[in-house]
Amino acid sequence: MAAEELAVEVSGAGPTRERAFGAAMAQVQAQVRDRVPGMPVRIEPRGIALVRATEERRTERFLGLFLPRTRSHFTLVVSVTVQVTAFPLDDVEFALRDERLSPIQRLLHLR
């Protein structure tokens, strides 16, 4: 197994700060899987750096006049440094087992 350290940049958005951060961190595994050869076995975060964070606020009113409320939408971009331990699947040799069924067996097994 090979260990490798790399940095991925992910973004997330949501109605709260926690949801935006959670959405960003949920993308780390997919980004790492695309960039690392083999199958990632362990993804261990080493550091997180904030690239950009924004909050958008707007005021909504019922019928344009009544009951004003403020809505927020948070967006953030973070750079995550991770150490990845991956298993090289290209080096694995699989044994081939070929199954031969007669037409009657195929009908009985519905294969």
Protein backbone atom coordinates (compact mmCIF):
# COMPACT_ATOMS: atom_id res chain seq x y z
CA MET A 1 0.00 0.00 0.00
CA ALA A 2 1.23 3.44 -0.89
CA ALA A 3 0.78 6.58 1.22
CA GLU A 4 0.55 9.91 -0.56
CA GLU A 5 -0.19 13.45 0.60
CA LEU A 6 -2.18 15.80 -1.61
CA ALA A 7 -4.33 18.93 -1.43
CA VAL A 8 -7.88 19.12 -2.75
CA GLU A 9 -10.07 22.20 -3.04
CA VAL A 10 -13.77 21.70 -2.31
CA SER A 11 -16.76 23.99 -1.98
CA GLY A 12 -20.05 23.79 -0.14
CA ALA A 13 -23.21 25.81 0.34
CA GLY A 14 -26.15 25.71 2.72
CA PRO A 15 -28.55 27.65 4.92
CA THR A 16 -26.20 27.41 7.94
CA ARG A 17 -22.44 27.53 8.40
CA GLU A 18 -22.40 23.93 9.59
CA ARG A 19 -24.30 22.66 6.54
CA ALA A 20 -22.00 24.55 4.15
CA PHE A 21 -18.93 23.07 5.85
CA GLY A 22 -20.47 19.59 5.87
CA ALA A 23 -21.32 19.83 2.16
CA ALA A 24 -17.74 20.80 1.39
CA MET A 25 -16.23 17.99 3.47
CA ALA A 26 -18.55 15.44 1.84
CA GLN A 27 -16.83 16.15 -1.49
CA VAL A 28 -13.33 15.30 -0.26
CA GLN A 29 -13.67 11.54 -0.74
CA ALA A 30 -14.87 11.87 -4.35
CA GLN A 31 -12.08 14.31 -5.21
CA VAL A 32 -9.44 12.03 -3.70
CA ARG A 33 -10.85 8.95 -5.45
CA ASP A 34 -10.56 10.73 -8.82
CA ARG A 35 -6.97 11.84 -8.27
CA VAL A 36 -5.37 8.78 -6.62
CA PRO A 37 -4.53 5.65 -8.61
CA GLY A 38 -5.86 2.51 -6.98
CA MET A 39 -8.49 2.19 -4.28
CA PRO A 40 -8.24 4.64 -1.34
CA VAL A 41 -8.30 2.69 1.90
CA ARG A 42 -7.76 5.54 4.37
CA ILE A 43 -8.18 9.28 3.87
CA GLU A 44 -6.78 11.23 6.81
CA PRO A 45 -7.09 15.04 6.89
CA ARG A 46 -3.87 16.82 7.84
CA GLY A 47 -4.92 20.45 7.49
CA ILE A 48 -7.76 22.70 6.38
CA ALA A 49 -7.25 26.19 4.96
CA LEU A 50 -10.09 28.59 4.23
CA VAL A 51 -9.93 29.99 0.68
CA ARG A 52 -13.18 31.96 0.53
CA ALA A 53 -16.31 32.32 2.65
CA THR A 54 -19.40 34.39 1.81
CA GLU A 55 -22.77 34.99 3.44
CA GLU A 56 -25.72 36.30 1.46
CA ARG A 57 -28.68 37.78 3.34
CA ARG A 58 -32.08 38.71 1.99
CA THR A 59 -35.28 39.87 3.63
CA GLU A 60 -38.51 38.14 2.69
CA ARG A 61 -41.96 39.57 3.40
CA PHE A 62 -45.38 37.97 3.29
CA LEU A 63 -47.44 39.68 0.55
CA GLY A 64 -44.59 42.14 0.14
CA LEU A 65 -45.45 44.03 3.36
CA PHE A 66 -46.02 41.80 6.38
CA LEU A 67 -43.90 39.58 8.60
CA PRO A 68 -40.36 40.34 7.45
CA ARG A 69 -37.74 37.64 8.02
CA THR A 70 -34.09 37.47 7.11
CA ARG A 71 -32.75 34.46 5.21
CA SER A 72 -29.04 33.62 4.98
CA HIS A 73 -27.14 31.45 2.52
CA PHE A 74 -23.54 30.50 3.26
CA THR A 75 -20.95 29.50 0.66
CA LEU A 76 -17.37 28.48 1.37
CA VAL A 77 -14.34 27.11 -0.43
CA VAL A 78 -11.69 25.25 1.56
CA SER A 79 -8.40 23.61 0.69
CA VAL A 80 -7.94 20.31 2.50
CA THR A 81 -4.58 18.58 2.78
CA VAL A 82 -5.05 14.83 3.17
CA GLN A 83 -2.82 11.81 3.52
CA VAL A 84 -4.17 8.97 1.42
CA THR A 85 -3.29 5.31 1.78
CA ALA A 86 -4.31 3.46 -1.37
CA PHE A 87 -4.31 -0.17 -2.44
CA PRO A 88 -3.10 -0.68 -6.04
CA LEU A 89 -5.81 -2.73 -7.76
CA ASP A 90 -3.85 -2.82 -11.02
CA ASP A 91 -1.33 -5.23 -9.47
CA VAL A 92 -3.98 -7.76 -8.42
CA GLU A 93 -4.38 -10.77 -10.67
CA PHE A 94 -7.84 -12.29 -10.52
CA ALA A 95 -8.38 -15.99 -11.21
CA LEU A 96 -10.81 -16.57 -14.05
CA ARG A 97 -13.57 -19.09 -13.51
CA ASP A 98 -15.76 -19.62 -16.55
CA GLU A 99 -19.16 -21.19 -15.99
CA ARG A 100 -20.60 -23.29 -18.79
CA LEU A 101 -24.26 -24.24 -18.54
CA SER A 102 -26.31 -26.30 -20.91
CA PRO A 103 -29.46 -24.65 -22.31
CA ILE A 104 -31.64 -26.70 -19.94
CA GLN A 105 -29.56 -25.68 -16.91
CA ARG A 106 -29.71 -22.08 -18.04
CA LEU A 107 -33.50 -22.23 -18.20
CA LEU A 108 -33.75 -23.89 -14.81
CA HIS A 109 -31.42 -21.35 -13.17
CA LEU A 110 -32.85 -18.47 -15.22
CA ARG A 111 -29.41 -17.17 -16.12
